[in-house]
Amino acid sequence: MLAFWLHTAVWCSYLAAWDGKPTWRVRPWYARKTTPSFLDALAALRRDLWRQRITSMSSGAPLPGKILGPLLDTLAEAA
């Protein structure tokens, strides 16, 4: 029951926040991908939550986007 709830919660948050915009990286071996997988939705949710947490905890100026973006992409897909 918990797994079904978690699956539904991840998809609902993904669909509400990203409304049809692709959030996955285009891979050379899978260039025709048109729909996200559950792992793509989970990585996008992690990326958004971690971006909010990291920027709210950083002291002073926030991290530059060219550092924070690739860092979060890599961590969200690896977790």
PDB file of N, CA and C in Angstrom:
ATOM      1  N   MET A   1       0.812  -1.180   0.000  1.00  0.00           N
ATOM      2  CA  MET A   1       0.000   0.000   0.000  1.00  0.00           C
ATOM      3  C   MET A   1       0.873   1.268   0.000  1.00  0.00           C
ATOM      4  N   LEU A   2       1.930   1.228   0.807  1.00  0.00           N
ATOM      5  CA  LEU A   2       2.827   2.381   0.869  1.00  0.00           C
ATOM      6  C   LEU A   2       3.523   2.605  -0.475  1.00  0.00           C
ATOM      7  N   ALA A   3       3.906   1.540  -1.144  1.00  0.00           N
ATOM      8  CA  ALA A   3       4.565   1.663  -2.441  1.00  0.00           C
ATOM      9  C   ALA A   3       3.632   2.291  -3.478  1.00  0.00           C
ATOM     10  N   PHE A   4       2.372   1.902  -3.466  1.00  0.00           N
ATOM     11  CA  PHE A   4       1.412   2.509  -4.400  1.00  0.00           C
ATOM     12  C   PHE A   4       1.201   3.987  -4.089  1.00  0.00           C
ATOM     13  N   TRP A   5       1.149   4.313  -2.812  1.00  0.00           N
ATOM     14  CA  TRP A   5       0.984   5.717  -2.428  1.00  0.00           C
ATOM     15  C   TRP A   5       2.193   6.530  -2.868  1.00  0.00           C
ATOM     16  N   LEU A   6       3.403   6.002  -2.629  1.00  0.00           N
ATOM     17  CA  LEU A   6       4.623   6.704  -3.013  1.00  0.00           C
ATOM     18  C   LEU A   6       4.695   6.886  -4.528  1.00  0.00           C
ATOM     19  N   HIS A   7       4.355   5.849  -5.262  1.00  0.00           N
ATOM     20  CA  HIS A   7       4.349   5.921  -6.725  1.00  0.00           C
ATOM     21  C   HIS A   7       3.382   7.012  -7.203  1.00  0.00           C
ATOM     22  N   THR A   8       2.205   7.045  -6.641  1.00  0.00           N
ATOM     23  CA  THR A   8       1.204   8.044  -7.011  1.00  0.00           C
ATOM     24  C   THR A   8       1.646   9.444  -6.618  1.00  0.00           C
ATOM     25  N   ALA A   9       2.221   9.591  -5.435  1.00  0.00           N
ATOM     26  CA  ALA A   9       2.667  10.914  -4.975  1.00  0.00           C
ATOM     27  C   ALA A   9       3.765  11.470  -5.864  1.00  0.00           C
ATOM     28  N   VAL A  10       4.712  10.624  -6.280  1.00  0.00           N
ATOM     29  CA  VAL A  10       5.795  11.080  -7.155  1.00  0.00           C
ATOM     30  C   VAL A  10       5.240  11.519  -8.502  1.00  0.00           C
ATOM     31  N   TRP A  11       4.352  10.714  -9.092  1.00  0.00           N
ATOM     32  CA  TRP A  11       3.795  11.080 -10.396  1.00  0.00           C
ATOM     33  C   TRP A  11       2.922  12.326 -10.314  1.00  0.00           C
ATOM     34  N   CYS A  12       2.133  12.452  -9.264  1.00  0.00           N
ATOM     35  CA  CYS A  12       1.278  13.643  -9.128  1.00  0.00           C
ATOM     36  C   CYS A  12       2.110  14.915  -8.987  1.00  0.00           C
ATOM     37  N   SER A  13       3.164  14.856  -8.191  1.00  0.00           N
ATOM     38  CA  SER A  13       4.010  16.041  -8.042  1.00  0.00           C
ATOM     39  C   SER A  13       4.752  16.353  -9.337  1.00  0.00           C
ATOM     40  N   TYR A  14       5.183  15.318 -10.046  1.00  0.00           N
ATOM     41  CA  TYR A  14       5.876  15.536 -11.317  1.00  0.00           C
ATOM     42  C   TYR A  14       4.942  16.171 -12.341  1.00  0.00           C
ATOM     43  N   LEU A  15       3.745  15.629 -12.468  1.00  0.00           N
ATOM     44  CA  LEU A  15       2.801  16.150 -13.458  1.00  0.00           C
ATOM     45  C   LEU A  15       2.341  17.562 -13.120  1.00  0.00           C
ATOM     46  N   ALA A  16       2.210  17.866 -11.846  1.00  0.00           N
ATOM     47  CA  ALA A  16       1.787  19.205 -11.449  1.00  0.00           C
ATOM     48  C   ALA A  16       2.891  20.234 -11.668  1.00  0.00           C
ATOM     49  N   ALA A  17       4.123  19.855 -11.431  1.00  0.00           N
ATOM     50  CA  ALA A  17       5.218  20.824 -11.501  1.00  0.00           C
ATOM     51  C   ALA A  17       5.799  20.987 -12.899  1.00  0.00           C
ATOM     52  N   TRP A  18       5.881  19.917 -13.676  1.00  0.00           N
ATOM     53  CA  TRP A  18       6.588  19.997 -14.946  1.00  0.00           C
ATOM     54  C   TRP A  18       5.685  19.896 -16.162  1.00  0.00           C
ATOM     55  N   ASP A  19       4.457  19.703 -16.037  1.00  0.00           N
ATOM     56  CA  ASP A  19       3.412  19.800 -17.058  1.00  0.00           C
ATOM     57  C   ASP A  19       3.889  19.636 -18.506  1.00  0.00           C
ATOM     58  N   GLY A  20       4.424  18.481 -18.819  1.00  0.00           N
ATOM     59  CA  GLY A  20       4.756  18.167 -20.206  1.00  0.00           C
ATOM     60  C   GLY A  20       6.130  18.589 -20.663  1.00  0.00           C
ATOM     61  N   LYS A  21       6.864  19.361 -19.862  1.00  0.00           N
ATOM     62  CA  LYS A  21       8.212  19.758 -20.249  1.00  0.00           C
ATOM     63  C   LYS A  21       9.169  18.610 -19.932  1.00  0.00           C
ATOM     64  N   PRO A  22      10.043  18.231 -20.860  1.00  0.00           N
ATOM     65  CA  PRO A  22      10.978  17.141 -20.566  1.00  0.00           C
ATOM     66  C   PRO A  22      11.981  17.552 -19.495  1.00  0.00           C
ATOM     67  N   THR A  23      12.230  16.662 -18.554  1.00  0.00           N
ATOM     68  CA  THR A  23      13.175  16.938 -17.473  1.00  0.00           C
ATOM     69  C   THR A  23      14.358  15.991 -17.502  1.00  0.00           C
ATOM     70  N   TRP A  24      14.416  15.131 -18.502  1.00  0.00           N
ATOM     71  CA  TRP A  24      15.506  14.173 -18.575  1.00  0.00           C
ATOM     72  C   TRP A  24      16.525  14.620 -19.599  1.00  0.00           C
ATOM     73  N   ARG A  25      17.745  14.126 -19.421  1.00  0.00           N
ATOM     74  CA  ARG A  25      18.800  14.422 -20.381  1.00  0.00           C
ATOM     75  C   ARG A  25      18.630  13.545 -21.618  1.00  0.00           C
ATOM     76  N   VAL A  26      18.912  14.108 -22.762  1.00  0.00           N
ATOM     77  CA  VAL A  26      18.848  13.338 -24.006  1.00  0.00           C
ATOM     78  C   VAL A  26      20.106  12.487 -24.083  1.00  0.00           C
ATOM     79  N   ARG A  27      19.916  11.210 -24.196  1.00  0.00           N
ATOM     80  CA  ARG A  27      21.037  10.268 -24.282  1.00  0.00           C
ATOM     81  C   ARG A  27      21.241   9.875 -25.744  1.00  0.00           C
ATOM     82  N   PRO A  28      22.469   9.766 -26.216  1.00  0.00           N
ATOM     83  CA  PRO A  28      22.713   9.408 -27.618  1.00  0.00           C
ATOM     84  C   PRO A  28      22.118   8.057 -28.010  1.00  0.00           C
ATOM     85  N   TRP A  29      22.062   7.133 -27.073  1.00  0.00           N
ATOM     86  CA  TRP A  29      21.542   5.805 -27.385  1.00  0.00           C
ATOM     87  C   TRP A  29      20.028   5.725 -27.276  1.00  0.00           C
ATOM     88  N   TYR A  30      19.390   6.806 -26.811  1.00  0.00           N
ATOM     89  CA  TYR A  30      17.930   6.800 -26.659  1.00  0.00           C
ATOM     90  C   TYR A  30      17.379   8.176 -27.046  1.00  0.00           C
ATOM     91  N   ALA A  31      17.696   8.592 -28.253  1.00  0.00           N
ATOM     92  CA  ALA A  31      17.341   9.935 -28.715  1.00  0.00           C
ATOM     93  C   ALA A  31      15.845  10.089 -28.984  1.00  0.00           C
ATOM     94  N   ARG A  32      15.123   8.995 -29.204  1.00  0.00           N
ATOM     95  CA  ARG A  32      13.695   9.091 -29.522  1.00  0.00           C
ATOM     96  C   ARG A  32      12.796   9.015 -28.293  1.00  0.00           C
ATOM     97  N   LYS A  33      13.342   9.136 -27.115  1.00  0.00           N
ATOM     98  CA  LYS A  33      12.552   9.056 -25.887  1.00  0.00           C
ATOM     99  C   LYS A  33      11.609  10.259 -25.826  1.00  0.00           C
ATOM    100  N   THR A  34      10.329   9.999 -25.641  1.00  0.00           N
ATOM    101  CA  THR A  34       9.347  11.091 -25.619  1.00  0.00           C
ATOM    102  C   THR A  34       8.560  11.178 -24.323  1.00  0.00           C
ATOM    103  N   THR A  35       8.610  10.150 -23.499  1.00  0.00           N
ATOM    104  CA  THR A  35       7.866  10.170 -22.237  1.00  0.00           C
ATOM    105  C   THR A  35       8.796   9.833 -21.082  1.00  0.00           C
ATOM    106  N   PRO A  36       8.555  10.425 -19.920  1.00  0.00           N
ATOM    107  CA  PRO A  36       9.430  10.154 -18.774  1.00  0.00           C
ATOM    108  C   PRO A  36       9.132   8.798 -18.141  1.00  0.00           C
ATOM    109  N   SER A  37      10.141   8.232 -17.543  1.00  0.00           N
ATOM    110  CA  SER A  37       9.966   7.016 -16.759  1.00  0.00           C
ATOM    111  C   SER A  37       9.765   7.418 -15.299  1.00  0.00           C
ATOM    112  N   PHE A  38       9.474   6.442 -14.460  1.00  0.00           N
ATOM    113  CA  PHE A  38       9.319   6.733 -13.036  1.00  0.00           C
ATOM    114  C   PHE A  38      10.632   7.257 -12.460  1.00  0.00           C
ATOM    115  N   LEU A  39      11.758   6.724 -12.921  1.00  0.00           N
ATOM    116  CA  LEU A  39      13.049   7.203 -12.432  1.00  0.00           C
ATOM    117  C   LEU A  39      13.311   8.647 -12.846  1.00  0.00           C
ATOM    118  N   ASP A  40      12.852   9.042 -14.025  1.00  0.00           N
ATOM    119  CA  ASP A  40      12.976  10.437 -14.438  1.00  0.00           C
ATOM    120  C   ASP A  40      12.138  11.344 -13.536  1.00  0.00           C
ATOM    121  N   ALA A  41      10.923  10.905 -13.225  1.00  0.00           N
ATOM    122  CA  ALA A  41      10.054  11.684 -12.349  1.00  0.00           C
ATOM    123  C   ALA A  41      10.641  11.784 -10.952  1.00  0.00           C
ATOM    124  N   LEU A  42      11.191  10.706 -10.451  1.00  0.00           N
ATOM    125  CA  LEU A  42      11.797  10.710  -9.119  1.00  0.00           C
ATOM    126  C   LEU A  42      13.035  11.596  -9.086  1.00  0.00           C
ATOM    127  N   ALA A  43      13.861  11.545 -10.117  1.00  0.00           N
ATOM    128  CA  ALA A  43      15.051  12.395 -10.186  1.00  0.00           C
ATOM    129  C   ALA A  43      14.667  13.871 -10.273  1.00  0.00           C
ATOM    130  N   ALA A  44      13.627  14.193 -11.015  1.00  0.00           N
ATOM    131  CA  ALA A  44      13.174  15.586 -11.109  1.00  0.00           C
ATOM    132  C   ALA A  44      12.657  16.082  -9.765  1.00  0.00           C
ATOM    133  N   LEU A  45      11.944  15.239  -9.056  1.00  0.00           N
ATOM    134  CA  LEU A  45      11.453  15.610  -7.727  1.00  0.00           C
ATOM    135  C   LEU A  45      12.615  15.817  -6.764  1.00  0.00           C
ATOM    136  N   ARG A  46      13.584  14.911  -6.772  1.00  0.00           N
ATOM    137  CA  ARG A  46      14.766  15.077  -5.918  1.00  0.00           C
ATOM    138  C   ARG A  46      15.505  16.357  -6.249  1.00  0.00           C
ATOM    139  N   ARG A  47      15.693  16.617  -7.550  1.00  0.00           N
ATOM    140  CA  ARG A  47      16.412  17.810  -7.996  1.00  0.00           C
ATOM    141  C   ARG A  47      15.743  19.071  -7.476  1.00  0.00           C
ATOM    142  N   ASP A  48      14.432  19.126  -7.549  1.00  0.00           N
ATOM    143  CA  ASP A  48      13.706  20.304  -7.091  1.00  0.00           C
ATOM    144  C   ASP A  48      13.790  20.460  -5.574  1.00  0.00           C
ATOM    145  N   LEU A  49      13.592  19.379  -4.847  1.00  0.00           N
ATOM    146  CA  LEU A  49      13.659  19.446  -3.382  1.00  0.00           C
ATOM    147  C   LEU A  49      15.059  19.794  -2.905  1.00  0.00           C
ATOM    148  N   TRP A  50      16.073  19.201  -3.504  1.00  0.00           N
ATOM    149  CA  TRP A  50      17.437  19.486  -3.091  1.00  0.00           C
ATOM    150  C   TRP A  50      17.846  20.897  -3.466  1.00  0.00           C
ATOM    151  N   ARG A  51      17.393  21.417  -4.611  1.00  0.00           N
ATOM    152  CA  ARG A  51      17.716  22.794  -4.991  1.00  0.00           C
ATOM    153  C   ARG A  51      17.145  23.763  -3.963  1.00  0.00           C
ATOM    154  N   GLN A  52      15.908  23.532  -3.538  1.00  0.00           N
ATOM    155  CA  GLN A  52      15.307  24.390  -2.521  1.00  0.00           C
ATOM    156  C   GLN A  52      16.075  24.311  -1.207  1.00  0.00           C
ATOM    157  N   ARG A  53      16.448  23.110  -0.810  1.00  0.00           N
ATOM    158  CA  ARG A  53      17.145  22.930   0.463  1.00  0.00           C
ATOM    159  C   ARG A  53      18.545  23.526   0.431  1.00  0.00           C
ATOM    160  N   ILE A  54      19.274  23.320  -0.657  1.00  0.00           N
ATOM    161  CA  ILE A  54      20.648  23.820  -0.747  1.00  0.00           C
ATOM    162  C   ILE A  54      20.668  25.338  -0.818  1.00  0.00           C
ATOM    163  N   THR A  55      19.797  25.935  -1.605  1.00  0.00           N
ATOM    164  CA  THR A  55      19.810  27.392  -1.716  1.00  0.00           C
ATOM    165  C   THR A  55      19.314  28.067  -0.442  1.00  0.00           C
ATOM    166  N   SER A  56      18.418  27.425   0.288  1.00  0.00           N
ATOM    167  CA  SER A  56      17.962  28.049   1.536  1.00  0.00           C
ATOM    168  C   SER A  56      19.003  27.932   2.644  1.00  0.00           C
ATOM    169  N   MET A  57      19.866  26.920   2.588  1.00  0.00           N
ATOM    170  CA  MET A  57      20.880  26.722   3.619  1.00  0.00           C
ATOM    171  C   MET A  57      22.193  27.426   3.304  1.00  0.00           C
ATOM    172  N   SER A  58      22.397  27.874   2.077  1.00  0.00           N
ATOM    173  CA  SER A  58      23.673  28.497   1.735  1.00  0.00           C
ATOM    174  C   SER A  58      23.739  29.895   2.328  1.00  0.00           C
ATOM    175  N   SER A  59      24.883  30.199   2.877  1.00  0.00           N
ATOM    176  CA  SER A  59      25.071  31.524   3.474  1.00  0.00           C
ATOM    177  C   SER A  59      25.604  32.473   2.409  1.00  0.00           C
ATOM    178  N   GLY A  60      25.166  33.692   2.468  1.00  0.00           N
ATOM    179  CA  GLY A  60      25.618  34.668   1.494  1.00  0.00           C
ATOM    180  C   GLY A  60      24.972  34.462   0.142  1.00  0.00           C
ATOM    181  N   ALA A  61      25.767  34.608  -0.897  1.00  0.00           N
ATOM    182  CA  ALA A  61      25.266  34.475  -2.261  1.00  0.00           C
ATOM    183  C   ALA A  61      25.012  33.001  -2.585  1.00  0.00           C
ATOM    184  N   PRO A  62      23.937  32.703  -3.314  1.00  0.00           N
ATOM    185  CA  PRO A  62      23.671  31.313  -3.693  1.00  0.00           C
ATOM    186  C   PRO A  62      24.729  30.796  -4.660  1.00  0.00           C
ATOM    187  N   LEU A  63      24.809  29.495  -4.755  1.00  0.00           N
ATOM    188  CA  LEU A  63      25.769  28.883  -5.676  1.00  0.00           C
ATOM    189  C   LEU A  63      25.432  29.259  -7.112  1.00  0.00           C
ATOM    190  N   PRO A  64      26.456  29.465  -7.942  1.00  0.00           N
ATOM    191  CA  PRO A  64      26.172  29.774  -9.353  1.00  0.00           C
ATOM    192  C   PRO A  64      25.430  28.622 -10.031  1.00  0.00           C
ATOM    193  N   GLY A  65      24.569  28.965 -10.967  1.00  0.00           N
ATOM    194  CA  GLY A  65      23.767  27.967 -11.664  1.00  0.00           C
ATOM    195  C   GLY A  65      24.586  26.959 -12.436  1.00  0.00           C
ATOM    196  N   LYS A  66      25.748  27.388 -12.956  1.00  0.00           N
ATOM    197  CA  LYS A  66      26.556  26.446 -13.724  1.00  0.00           C
ATOM    198  C   LYS A  66      27.258  25.432 -12.833  1.00  0.00           C
ATOM    199  N   ILE A  67      27.285  25.652 -11.531  1.00  0.00           N
ATOM    200  CA  ILE A  67      27.820  24.660 -10.592  1.00  0.00           C
ATOM    201  C   ILE A  67      26.675  23.840 -10.006  1.00  0.00           C
ATOM    202  N   LEU A  68      25.634  24.517  -9.574  1.00  0.00           N
ATOM    203  CA  LEU A  68      24.522  23.851  -8.889  1.00  0.00           C
ATOM    204  C   LEU A  68      23.730  22.930  -9.825  1.00  0.00           C
ATOM    205  N   GLY A  69      23.481  23.351 -11.043  1.00  0.00           N
ATOM    206  CA  GLY A  69      22.689  22.557 -11.986  1.00  0.00           C
ATOM    207  C   GLY A  69      23.277  21.185 -12.277  1.00  0.00           C
ATOM    208  N   PRO A  70      24.518  21.120 -12.776  1.00  0.00           N
ATOM    209  CA  PRO A  70      25.113  19.796 -13.044  1.00  0.00           C
ATOM    210  C   PRO A  70      25.300  18.953 -11.784  1.00  0.00           C
ATOM    211  N   LEU A  71      25.597  19.600 -10.662  1.00  0.00           N
ATOM    212  CA  LEU A  71      25.749  18.864  -9.414  1.00  0.00           C
ATOM    213  C   LEU A  71      24.444  18.187  -9.014  1.00  0.00           C
ATOM    214  N   LEU A  72      23.349  18.922  -9.073  1.00  0.00           N
ATOM    215  CA  LEU A  72      22.058  18.350  -8.723  1.00  0.00           C
ATOM    216  C   LEU A  72      21.602  17.303  -9.736  1.00  0.00           C
ATOM    217  N   ASP A  73      21.871  17.530 -11.006  1.00  0.00           N
ATOM    218  CA  ASP A  73      21.524  16.533 -12.028  1.00  0.00           C
ATOM    219  C   ASP A  73      22.217  15.205 -11.749  1.00  0.00           C
ATOM    220  N   THR A  74      23.499  15.264 -11.467  1.00  0.00           N
ATOM    221  CA  THR A  74      24.261  14.050 -11.219  1.00  0.00           C
ATOM    222  C   THR A  74      23.812  13.352  -9.949  1.00  0.00           C
ATOM    223  N   LEU A  75      23.624  14.103  -8.878  1.00  0.00           N
ATOM    224  CA  LEU A  75      23.209  13.507  -7.612  1.00  0.00           C
ATOM    225  C   LEU A  75      21.792  12.938  -7.691  1.00  0.00           C
ATOM    226  N   ALA A  76      20.884  13.643  -8.344  1.00  0.00           N
ATOM    227  CA  ALA A  76      19.491  13.181  -8.419  1.00  0.00           C
ATOM    228  C   ALA A  76      19.373  11.908  -9.228  1.00  0.00           C
ATOM    229  N   GLU A  77      20.155  11.771 -10.280  1.00  0.00           N
ATOM    230  CA  GLU A  77      20.089  10.554 -11.088  1.00  0.00           C
ATOM    231  C   GLU A  77      20.821   9.389 -10.433  1.00  0.00           C
ATOM    232  N   ALA A  78      21.826   9.690  -9.624  1.00  0.00           N
ATOM    233  CA  ALA A  78      22.599   8.625  -8.989  1.00  0.00           C
ATOM    234  C   ALA A  78      21.930   8.087  -7.744  1.00  0.00           C
ATOM    235  N   ALA A  79      21.137   8.905  -7.073  1.00  0.00           N
ATOM    236  CA  ALA A  79      20.535   8.481  -5.801  1.00  0.00           C
ATOM    237  C   ALA A  79      19.460   7.445  -5.998  1.00  0.00           C
TER     238      ALA A  79
END
